[in-house]
């Protein structure tokens, strides 16, 4: 999963101060790669509840197209000078469901094998260089979106504000 700094400098959009428009790759990429971006973008946005955000992800990832359902992330598209790549995460539960179902496409299986686990999440990377890899990824994205929709949205615990009462006092007040 780890990519070299040389890899990340091939990002199409390097300047932190110049946010690209969501459709900029359609004009800035060579025609065949722009067509792949259009297919990916359109298909991801057709998944119920999915939204798109162009985000600066720091000096390593630079600008990425982030797709998510609410605060849950589906994937990040990386627009590189010579292609499109995707980073996606899978929880242990998602990964278990994926391998128990129909056999995943070879490109997905390889991305899973090469992925890096950080806690309960595996980070996977995939080059979307042809229609087969795009279709395999979109199939996974649709499944992941279904899994995310099944789970209640994570909520933060309310913060207690105010005086010097202890937590026991706060519980008794309820």
N, C-alpha and C. Protein backbone atom coordinates (compact mmCIF):
# COMPACT_ATOMS: atom_id res chain seq x y z
N UNK A 1 0.83 -1.19 0.00
CA UNK A 1 0.00 0.00 0.00
C UNK A 1 0.86 1.24 0.00
N UNK A 2 1.97 1.22 0.73
CA UNK A 2 2.82 2.41 0.82
C UNK A 2 3.35 2.81 -0.54
N UNK A 3 3.25 4.06 -0.85
CA UNK A 3 3.74 4.60 -2.11
C UNK A 3 4.90 5.54 -1.81
N UNK A 4 5.84 5.61 -2.73
CA UNK A 4 7.01 6.46 -2.54
C UNK A 4 6.65 7.93 -2.69
N UNK A 5 7.52 8.79 -2.20
CA UNK A 5 7.29 10.23 -2.36
C UNK A 5 7.33 10.60 -3.83
N UNK A 6 8.13 9.90 -4.64
CA UNK A 6 8.16 10.17 -6.08
C UNK A 6 6.80 9.87 -6.70
N UNK A 7 6.16 8.80 -6.26
CA UNK A 7 4.83 8.47 -6.76
C UNK A 7 3.89 9.63 -6.48
N UNK A 8 3.84 10.12 -5.24
CA UNK A 8 2.89 11.15 -4.87
C UNK A 8 3.16 12.48 -5.55
N UNK A 9 4.40 12.75 -5.95
CA UNK A 9 4.68 14.01 -6.66
C UNK A 9 4.15 13.97 -8.08
N UNK A 10 3.67 12.80 -8.54
CA UNK A 10 3.06 12.74 -9.87
C UNK A 10 1.57 13.08 -9.81
N UNK A 11 1.09 13.50 -8.62
CA UNK A 11 -0.30 13.95 -8.50
C UNK A 11 -0.51 15.10 -9.47
N UNK A 12 -1.63 15.12 -10.14
CA UNK A 12 -1.94 16.15 -11.12
C UNK A 12 -2.08 17.53 -10.48
N UNK A 13 -2.49 17.57 -9.24
CA UNK A 13 -2.74 18.84 -8.55
C UNK A 13 -1.86 18.92 -7.31
N UNK A 14 -0.79 19.68 -7.41
CA UNK A 14 0.21 19.73 -6.34
C UNK A 14 0.04 20.90 -5.39
N UNK A 15 -0.48 22.01 -5.86
CA UNK A 15 -0.50 23.24 -5.07
C UNK A 15 -1.63 23.26 -4.04
N UNK A 16 -1.25 23.33 -2.77
CA UNK A 16 -2.24 23.37 -1.69
C UNK A 16 -3.20 24.54 -1.84
N UNK A 17 -2.70 25.66 -2.34
CA UNK A 17 -3.51 26.88 -2.42
C UNK A 17 -4.44 26.95 -3.61
N UNK A 18 -4.39 26.00 -4.51
CA UNK A 18 -5.22 26.04 -5.71
C UNK A 18 -6.14 24.83 -5.76
N UNK A 19 -7.32 24.98 -5.16
CA UNK A 19 -8.27 23.86 -5.13
C UNK A 19 -8.85 23.62 -6.52
N UNK A 20 -8.68 22.40 -7.04
CA UNK A 20 -9.28 22.10 -8.35
C UNK A 20 -10.79 21.93 -8.22
N UNK A 21 -11.51 22.25 -9.28
CA UNK A 21 -12.95 22.02 -9.27
C UNK A 21 -13.19 20.51 -9.39
N UNK A 22 -14.34 20.04 -8.96
CA UNK A 22 -14.62 18.61 -9.04
C UNK A 22 -14.52 18.05 -10.46
N UNK A 23 -14.77 18.88 -11.46
CA UNK A 23 -14.72 18.41 -12.85
C UNK A 23 -13.41 18.75 -13.55
N UNK A 24 -12.46 19.36 -12.88
CA UNK A 24 -11.19 19.76 -13.50
C UNK A 24 -10.48 18.62 -14.23
N UNK A 25 -10.45 17.39 -13.68
CA UNK A 25 -9.75 16.31 -14.39
C UNK A 25 -10.31 16.03 -15.78
N UNK A 26 -11.58 16.34 -16.01
CA UNK A 26 -12.16 16.10 -17.33
C UNK A 26 -11.47 16.95 -18.39
N UNK A 27 -10.95 18.10 -17.98
CA UNK A 27 -10.24 18.99 -18.91
C UNK A 27 -8.73 18.83 -18.81
N UNK A 28 -8.22 18.47 -17.64
CA UNK A 28 -6.77 18.47 -17.40
C UNK A 28 -6.07 17.16 -17.73
N UNK A 29 -6.81 16.07 -17.80
CA UNK A 29 -6.21 14.76 -18.10
C UNK A 29 -6.27 14.48 -19.60
N UNK A 30 -5.37 13.65 -20.09
CA UNK A 30 -5.51 13.19 -21.49
C UNK A 30 -6.87 12.52 -21.68
N UNK A 31 -7.41 12.61 -22.87
CA UNK A 31 -8.79 12.16 -23.15
C UNK A 31 -9.10 10.75 -22.65
N UNK A 32 -8.25 9.74 -22.88
CA UNK A 32 -8.62 8.40 -22.40
C UNK A 32 -8.70 8.31 -20.88
N UNK A 33 -7.83 9.00 -20.18
CA UNK A 33 -7.84 8.98 -18.72
C UNK A 33 -9.01 9.80 -18.19
N UNK A 34 -9.30 10.92 -18.86
CA UNK A 34 -10.46 11.73 -18.48
C UNK A 34 -11.75 10.92 -18.63
N UNK A 35 -11.82 10.09 -19.66
CA UNK A 35 -13.01 9.24 -19.85
C UNK A 35 -13.13 8.24 -18.71
N UNK A 36 -12.02 7.68 -18.24
CA UNK A 36 -12.06 6.77 -17.09
C UNK A 36 -12.55 7.50 -15.84
N UNK A 37 -12.04 8.73 -15.66
CA UNK A 37 -12.47 9.52 -14.50
C UNK A 37 -13.98 9.76 -14.56
N UNK A 38 -14.49 10.11 -15.73
CA UNK A 38 -15.93 10.36 -15.86
C UNK A 38 -16.74 9.11 -15.49
N UNK A 39 -16.32 7.94 -15.96
CA UNK A 39 -17.02 6.69 -15.65
C UNK A 39 -17.00 6.46 -14.14
N UNK A 40 -15.83 6.59 -13.53
CA UNK A 40 -15.71 6.38 -12.08
C UNK A 40 -16.56 7.36 -11.29
N UNK A 41 -16.39 8.63 -11.60
CA UNK A 41 -17.10 9.69 -10.86
C UNK A 41 -18.62 9.50 -10.98
N UNK A 42 -19.09 9.31 -12.20
CA UNK A 42 -20.53 9.15 -12.41
C UNK A 42 -21.07 7.93 -11.66
N UNK A 43 -20.34 6.81 -11.74
CA UNK A 43 -20.80 5.60 -11.07
C UNK A 43 -20.80 5.75 -9.55
N UNK A 44 -19.77 6.38 -9.01
CA UNK A 44 -19.72 6.57 -7.55
C UNK A 44 -20.84 7.49 -7.09
N UNK A 45 -21.10 8.56 -7.84
CA UNK A 45 -22.16 9.50 -7.44
C UNK A 45 -23.56 8.93 -7.64
N UNK A 46 -23.68 7.85 -8.41
CA UNK A 46 -24.99 7.20 -8.59
C UNK A 46 -25.32 6.26 -7.43
N UNK A 47 -24.34 5.95 -6.59
CA UNK A 47 -24.61 5.11 -5.43
C UNK A 47 -25.40 5.94 -4.43
N UNK A 48 -26.51 5.39 -3.97
CA UNK A 48 -27.40 6.15 -3.08
C UNK A 48 -26.66 6.68 -1.86
N UNK A 49 -26.79 7.98 -1.63
CA UNK A 49 -26.22 8.63 -0.45
C UNK A 49 -24.77 9.06 -0.58
N UNK A 50 -24.11 8.74 -1.67
CA UNK A 50 -22.69 9.07 -1.81
C UNK A 50 -22.53 10.53 -2.24
N UNK A 51 -21.60 11.20 -1.58
CA UNK A 51 -21.27 12.57 -1.94
C UNK A 51 -19.78 12.65 -2.28
N UNK A 52 -19.42 13.72 -2.95
CA UNK A 52 -18.05 13.94 -3.41
C UNK A 52 -17.51 15.21 -2.78
N UNK A 53 -16.25 15.16 -2.41
CA UNK A 53 -15.58 16.34 -1.89
C UNK A 53 -14.14 16.31 -2.39
N UNK A 54 -13.69 17.42 -2.96
CA UNK A 54 -12.29 17.54 -3.34
C UNK A 54 -11.57 18.07 -2.11
N UNK A 55 -10.59 17.29 -1.62
CA UNK A 55 -9.92 17.63 -0.35
C UNK A 55 -8.42 17.64 -0.51
N UNK A 56 -7.80 18.60 0.14
CA UNK A 56 -6.35 18.59 0.24
C UNK A 56 -6.01 17.68 1.40
N UNK A 57 -5.28 16.62 1.13
CA UNK A 57 -5.02 15.59 2.13
C UNK A 57 -3.60 15.66 2.69
N UNK A 58 -2.99 16.83 2.64
CA UNK A 58 -1.65 16.99 3.19
C UNK A 58 -0.58 16.89 2.12
N UNK A 59 0.65 17.09 2.56
CA UNK A 59 1.76 17.17 1.60
C UNK A 59 2.06 15.84 0.92
N UNK A 60 1.59 14.74 1.46
CA UNK A 60 1.84 13.46 0.81
C UNK A 60 0.79 13.19 -0.27
N UNK A 61 -0.47 13.09 0.11
CA UNK A 61 -1.54 12.74 -0.83
C UNK A 61 -1.94 13.90 -1.74
N UNK A 62 -1.72 15.12 -1.30
CA UNK A 62 -2.12 16.32 -2.04
C UNK A 62 -3.65 16.33 -2.22
N UNK A 63 -4.11 16.71 -3.42
CA UNK A 63 -5.55 16.78 -3.66
C UNK A 63 -6.10 15.41 -4.04
N UNK A 64 -7.21 15.05 -3.43
CA UNK A 64 -7.87 13.78 -3.72
C UNK A 64 -9.37 14.03 -3.81
N UNK A 65 -10.03 13.19 -4.58
CA UNK A 65 -11.49 13.23 -4.69
C UNK A 65 -12.01 12.20 -3.70
N UNK A 66 -12.67 12.70 -2.66
CA UNK A 66 -13.14 11.83 -1.57
C UNK A 66 -14.63 11.55 -1.76
N UNK A 67 -15.00 10.28 -1.64
CA UNK A 67 -16.39 9.86 -1.76
C UNK A 67 -16.81 9.19 -0.46
N UNK A 68 -17.96 9.59 0.04
CA UNK A 68 -18.40 9.04 1.31
C UNK A 68 -19.90 9.08 1.46
N UNK A 69 -20.35 8.40 2.49
CA UNK A 69 -21.75 8.42 2.91
C UNK A 69 -21.76 9.09 4.28
N UNK A 70 -22.18 10.32 4.33
CA UNK A 70 -22.08 11.08 5.58
C UNK A 70 -20.62 11.22 5.95
N UNK A 71 -20.31 10.86 7.20
CA UNK A 71 -18.92 10.98 7.65
C UNK A 71 -18.12 9.69 7.41
N UNK A 72 -18.70 8.73 6.74
CA UNK A 72 -18.02 7.46 6.45
C UNK A 72 -17.43 7.51 5.05
N UNK A 73 -16.17 7.13 4.96
CA UNK A 73 -15.47 7.25 3.69
C UNK A 73 -15.56 5.97 2.87
N UNK A 74 -15.92 6.14 1.62
CA UNK A 74 -15.99 5.03 0.68
C UNK A 74 -14.63 4.84 0.00
N UNK A 75 -14.05 5.95 -0.50
CA UNK A 75 -12.76 5.86 -1.19
C UNK A 75 -12.23 7.26 -1.48
N UNK A 76 -10.99 7.26 -1.95
CA UNK A 76 -10.34 8.49 -2.40
C UNK A 76 -9.74 8.22 -3.77
N UNK A 77 -10.11 9.03 -4.76
CA UNK A 77 -9.50 8.93 -6.08
C UNK A 77 -8.30 9.86 -6.13
N UNK A 78 -7.20 9.35 -6.66
CA UNK A 78 -5.98 10.14 -6.82
C UNK A 78 -5.79 10.36 -8.31
N UNK A 79 -5.80 11.61 -8.71
CA UNK A 79 -5.62 11.95 -10.11
C UNK A 79 -4.13 12.20 -10.35
N UNK A 80 -3.52 11.27 -11.04
CA UNK A 80 -2.09 11.33 -11.30
C UNK A 80 -1.88 11.78 -12.74
N UNK A 81 -0.68 12.24 -13.04
CA UNK A 81 -0.41 12.73 -14.39
C UNK A 81 -0.62 11.66 -15.45
N UNK A 82 -0.42 10.38 -15.07
CA UNK A 82 -0.52 9.30 -16.05
C UNK A 82 -1.63 8.31 -15.75
N UNK A 83 -2.56 8.66 -14.87
CA UNK A 83 -3.63 7.72 -14.58
C UNK A 83 -4.43 8.09 -13.36
N UNK A 84 -5.29 7.17 -12.98
CA UNK A 84 -6.16 7.34 -11.81
C UNK A 84 -5.95 6.14 -10.90
N UNK A 85 -5.78 6.43 -9.63
CA UNK A 85 -5.63 5.39 -8.62
C UNK A 85 -6.67 5.62 -7.54
N UNK A 86 -6.92 4.60 -6.76
CA UNK A 86 -7.89 4.72 -5.68
C UNK A 86 -7.30 4.13 -4.41
N UNK A 87 -7.62 4.76 -3.31
CA UNK A 87 -7.35 4.21 -1.98
C UNK A 87 -8.71 3.95 -1.36
N UNK A 88 -8.86 2.78 -0.75
CA UNK A 88 -10.10 2.47 -0.05
C UNK A 88 -9.76 1.72 1.22
N UNK A 89 -10.66 1.79 2.16
CA UNK A 89 -10.46 1.10 3.43
C UNK A 89 -11.53 0.04 3.59
N UNK A 90 -11.16 -0.99 4.33
CA UNK A 90 -12.13 -2.02 4.70
C UNK A 90 -11.93 -2.33 6.17
N UNK A 91 -13.02 -2.36 6.91
CA UNK A 91 -12.96 -2.80 8.30
C UNK A 91 -12.73 -4.30 8.31
N UNK A 92 -12.40 -4.85 9.47
CA UNK A 92 -12.25 -6.30 9.58
C UNK A 92 -13.55 -7.00 9.18
N UNK A 93 -14.68 -6.43 9.58
CA UNK A 93 -15.99 -7.00 9.24
C UNK A 93 -16.22 -6.96 7.73
N UNK A 94 -15.91 -5.82 7.09
CA UNK A 94 -16.08 -5.70 5.64
C UNK A 94 -15.21 -6.72 4.92
N UNK A 95 -13.97 -6.84 5.35
CA UNK A 95 -13.05 -7.77 4.70
C UNK A 95 -13.55 -9.21 4.85
N UNK A 96 -14.05 -9.54 6.03
CA UNK A 96 -14.59 -10.88 6.26
C UNK A 96 -15.77 -11.15 5.35
N UNK A 97 -16.67 -10.19 5.22
CA UNK A 97 -17.83 -10.34 4.35
C UNK A 97 -17.41 -10.49 2.90
N UNK A 98 -16.38 -9.73 2.51
CA UNK A 98 -15.92 -9.77 1.14
C UNK A 98 -15.37 -11.14 0.77
N UNK A 99 -14.54 -11.70 1.62
CA UNK A 99 -13.93 -12.99 1.30
C UNK A 99 -14.90 -14.16 1.47
N UNK A 100 -15.97 -13.98 2.26
CA UNK A 100 -16.98 -15.04 2.43
C UNK A 100 -17.98 -15.07 1.28
N UNK A 101 -18.07 -13.96 0.54
CA UNK A 101 -19.02 -13.90 -0.57
C UNK A 101 -18.41 -14.48 -1.83
N UNK A 102 -18.91 -14.02 -2.96
CA UNK A 102 -18.36 -14.44 -4.25
C UNK A 102 -16.88 -14.04 -4.30
N UNK A 103 -16.10 -14.84 -4.95
CA UNK A 103 -14.66 -14.59 -5.04
C UNK A 103 -14.41 -13.20 -5.62
N UNK A 104 -13.64 -12.36 -4.91
CA UNK A 104 -13.38 -11.02 -5.44
C UNK A 104 -12.49 -11.09 -6.68
N UNK A 105 -12.60 -10.10 -7.54
CA UNK A 105 -11.76 -10.02 -8.73
C UNK A 105 -10.29 -10.03 -8.31
N UNK A 106 -9.44 -10.50 -9.20
CA UNK A 106 -8.01 -10.64 -8.90
C UNK A 106 -7.38 -9.32 -8.47
N UNK A 107 -7.76 -8.20 -9.11
CA UNK A 107 -7.15 -6.91 -8.74
C UNK A 107 -7.55 -6.51 -7.32
N UNK A 108 -8.77 -6.84 -6.92
CA UNK A 108 -9.23 -6.53 -5.56
C UNK A 108 -8.52 -7.45 -4.57
N UNK A 109 -8.42 -8.72 -4.89
CA UNK A 109 -7.72 -9.67 -4.01
C UNK A 109 -6.28 -9.24 -3.80
N UNK A 110 -5.61 -8.78 -4.86
CA UNK A 110 -4.22 -8.31 -4.74
C UNK A 110 -4.15 -7.06 -3.87
N UNK A 111 -5.08 -6.13 -4.06
CA UNK A 111 -5.10 -4.90 -3.25
C UNK A 111 -5.29 -5.25 -1.78
N UNK A 112 -6.15 -6.23 -1.48
CA UNK A 112 -6.35 -6.67 -0.10
C UNK A 112 -5.09 -7.29 0.47
N UNK A 113 -4.45 -8.13 -0.32
CA UNK A 113 -3.23 -8.80 0.13
C UNK A 113 -2.12 -7.79 0.42
N UNK A 114 -2.01 -6.76 -0.41
CA UNK A 114 -0.96 -5.76 -0.25
C UNK A 114 -1.34 -4.63 0.71
N UNK A 115 -2.60 -4.60 1.14
CA UNK A 115 -3.07 -3.53 2.02
C UNK A 115 -2.35 -3.52 3.35
N UNK A 116 -2.41 -2.36 3.99
CA UNK A 116 -1.78 -2.19 5.31
C UNK A 116 -2.86 -1.99 6.36
N UNK A 117 -2.78 -2.78 7.41
CA UNK A 117 -3.75 -2.67 8.50
C UNK A 117 -3.26 -1.65 9.51
N UNK A 118 -4.15 -0.74 9.87
CA UNK A 118 -3.92 0.18 10.99
C UNK A 118 -5.11 0.02 11.92
N UNK A 119 -4.90 -0.68 13.00
CA UNK A 119 -6.00 -0.97 13.91
C UNK A 119 -7.01 -1.87 13.21
N UNK A 120 -8.29 -1.53 13.30
CA UNK A 120 -9.32 -2.40 12.71
C UNK A 120 -9.56 -2.14 11.22
N UNK A 121 -8.75 -1.28 10.59
CA UNK A 121 -8.99 -0.89 9.21
C UNK A 121 -7.81 -1.27 8.32
N UNK A 122 -8.11 -1.82 7.16
CA UNK A 122 -7.08 -2.11 6.17
C UNK A 122 -7.16 -1.06 5.07
N UNK A 123 -6.01 -0.44 4.78
CA UNK A 123 -5.89 0.57 3.72
C UNK A 123 -5.39 -0.12 2.47
N UNK A 124 -6.14 -0.01 1.39
CA UNK A 124 -5.80 -0.67 0.14
C UNK A 124 -5.67 0.35 -0.98
N UNK A 125 -4.79 0.07 -1.91
CA UNK A 125 -4.55 0.94 -3.06
C UNK A 125 -4.69 0.13 -4.33
N UNK A 126 -5.23 0.76 -5.37
CA UNK A 126 -5.45 0.08 -6.63
C UNK A 126 -5.28 1.06 -7.78
N UNK A 127 -4.52 0.64 -8.78
CA UNK A 127 -4.40 1.42 -10.01
C UNK A 127 -5.60 1.09 -10.88
N UNK A 128 -6.29 2.13 -11.34
CA UNK A 128 -7.48 1.93 -12.18
C UNK A 128 -7.09 2.21 -13.63
N UNK A 129 -6.38 1.25 -14.20
CA UNK A 129 -5.75 1.47 -15.51
C UNK A 129 -6.57 0.97 -16.70
N UNK A 130 -7.63 0.20 -16.43
CA UNK A 130 -8.43 -0.33 -17.53
C UNK A 130 -9.85 -0.57 -17.05
N UNK A 131 -10.70 -0.91 -17.98
CA UNK A 131 -12.12 -1.09 -17.67
C UNK A 131 -12.35 -2.23 -16.67
N UNK A 132 -11.54 -3.29 -16.77
CA UNK A 132 -11.69 -4.42 -15.87
C UNK A 132 -11.44 -4.01 -14.41
N UNK A 133 -10.36 -3.25 -14.18
CA UNK A 133 -10.06 -2.81 -12.80
C UNK A 133 -11.11 -1.82 -12.30
N UNK A 134 -11.60 -0.96 -13.19
CA UNK A 134 -12.64 -0.01 -12.82
C UNK A 134 -13.92 -0.74 -12.42
N UNK A 135 -14.33 -1.69 -13.25
CA UNK A 135 -15.55 -2.45 -12.95
C UNK A 135 -15.42 -3.22 -11.63
N UNK A 136 -14.25 -3.84 -11.41
CA UNK A 136 -14.03 -4.58 -10.17
C UNK A 136 -14.11 -3.65 -8.97
N UNK A 137 -13.49 -2.48 -9.07
CA UNK A 137 -13.53 -1.54 -7.96
C UNK A 137 -14.95 -1.03 -7.73
N UNK A 138 -15.66 -0.68 -8.79
CA UNK A 138 -17.02 -0.16 -8.61
C UNK A 138 -17.94 -1.21 -7.99
N UNK A 139 -17.75 -2.47 -8.33
CA UNK A 139 -18.51 -3.54 -7.69
C UNK A 139 -18.24 -3.55 -6.19
N UNK A 140 -16.96 -3.44 -5.83
CA UNK A 140 -16.61 -3.38 -4.41
C UNK A 140 -17.19 -2.13 -3.74
N UNK A 141 -17.12 -0.99 -4.40
CA UNK A 141 -17.63 0.26 -3.83
C UNK A 141 -19.13 0.16 -3.56
N UNK A 142 -19.87 -0.45 -4.47
CA UNK A 142 -21.32 -0.61 -4.26
C UNK A 142 -21.60 -1.52 -3.06
N UNK A 143 -20.84 -2.59 -2.94
CA UNK A 143 -21.01 -3.50 -1.80
C UNK A 143 -20.66 -2.79 -0.50
N UNK A 144 -19.55 -2.07 -0.49
CA UNK A 144 -19.14 -1.36 0.72
C UNK A 144 -20.19 -0.33 1.11
N UNK A 145 -20.75 0.37 0.14
CA UNK A 145 -21.80 1.35 0.44
C UNK A 145 -23.01 0.67 1.09
N UNK A 146 -23.37 -0.51 0.62
CA UNK A 146 -24.48 -1.27 1.24
C UNK A 146 -24.13 -1.62 2.68
N UNK A 147 -22.91 -2.07 2.92
CA UNK A 147 -22.50 -2.43 4.27
C UNK A 147 -22.52 -1.21 5.19
N UNK A 148 -22.04 -0.08 4.68
CA UNK A 148 -22.05 1.14 5.49
C UNK A 148 -23.47 1.58 5.82
N UNK A 149 -24.38 1.40 4.88
CA UNK A 149 -25.77 1.80 5.11
C UNK A 149 -26.46 0.92 6.14
N UNK A 150 -25.97 -0.30 6.34
CA UNK A 150 -26.57 -1.21 7.31
C UNK A 150 -26.27 -0.83 8.75
N UNK A 151 -25.14 -0.14 8.95
CA UNK A 151 -24.70 0.18 10.30
C UNK A 151 -25.19 1.56 10.71
N UNK A 152 -25.54 1.71 11.97
CA UNK A 152 -25.91 3.06 12.42
C UNK A 152 -24.71 3.97 12.35
N UNK A 153 -24.98 5.22 12.06
CA UNK A 153 -23.91 6.21 11.96
C UNK A 153 -23.24 6.42 13.31
N UNK A 154 -21.91 6.43 13.34
CA UNK A 154 -21.24 6.64 14.63
C UNK A 154 -21.56 8.04 15.17
N UNK A 155 -21.75 8.08 16.46
CA UNK A 155 -22.05 9.37 17.10
C UNK A 155 -21.03 9.61 18.20
N UNK A 156 -20.72 10.88 18.37
CA UNK A 156 -19.82 11.25 19.46
C UNK A 156 -20.61 11.30 20.75
N UNK A 157 -19.95 10.93 21.82
CA UNK A 157 -20.57 11.05 23.13
C UNK A 157 -20.73 12.53 23.44
N UNK A 158 -21.83 12.91 24.07
CA UNK A 158 -22.02 14.32 24.39
C UNK A 158 -20.96 14.78 25.38
N UNK A 159 -20.52 16.01 25.19
CA UNK A 159 -19.56 16.60 26.12
C UNK A 159 -20.32 17.24 27.27
N UNK A 160 -19.81 17.02 28.46
CA UNK A 160 -20.42 17.64 29.63
C UNK A 160 -19.75 18.99 29.84
N UNK A 161 -20.54 20.02 29.92
CA UNK A 161 -20.03 21.37 30.13
C UNK A 161 -20.50 21.86 31.49
N UNK A 162 -19.82 22.84 31.96
CA UNK A 162 -20.33 23.49 33.15
C UNK A 162 -19.45 23.34 34.36
N UNK A 163 -20.08 23.45 35.52
CA UNK A 163 -19.43 23.57 36.82
C UNK A 163 -18.53 22.42 37.20
N UNK A 164 -18.34 22.29 38.46
CA UNK A 164 -17.37 21.33 38.99
C UNK A 164 -18.03 20.05 39.46
N UNK A 165 -19.24 19.76 38.98
CA UNK A 165 -19.90 18.54 39.43
C UNK A 165 -19.17 17.32 38.90
N UNK A 166 -19.20 16.28 39.68
CA UNK A 166 -18.54 15.04 39.24
C UNK A 166 -19.46 14.32 38.27
N UNK A 167 -18.92 13.32 37.60
CA UNK A 167 -19.74 12.55 36.67
C UNK A 167 -20.87 11.82 37.40
N UNK A 168 -20.64 11.44 38.66
CA UNK A 168 -21.69 10.77 39.45
C UNK A 168 -22.85 11.75 39.68
N UNK A 169 -22.53 13.03 39.97
CA UNK A 169 -23.57 14.03 40.15
C UNK A 169 -24.37 14.20 38.86
N UNK A 170 -23.67 14.17 37.71
CA UNK A 170 -24.35 14.34 36.43
C UNK A 170 -25.29 13.19 36.15
N UNK A 171 -24.90 11.98 36.51
CA UNK A 171 -25.75 10.82 36.30
C UNK A 171 -26.99 10.90 37.18
N UNK A 172 -26.81 11.33 38.46
CA UNK A 172 -27.96 11.44 39.38
C UNK A 172 -28.94 12.50 38.90
N UNK A 173 -28.46 13.51 38.20
CA UNK A 173 -29.35 14.58 37.75
C UNK A 173 -30.28 14.09 36.66
N UNK A 174 -29.92 13.01 35.97
CA UNK A 174 -30.78 12.46 34.92
C UNK A 174 -31.93 11.83 35.55
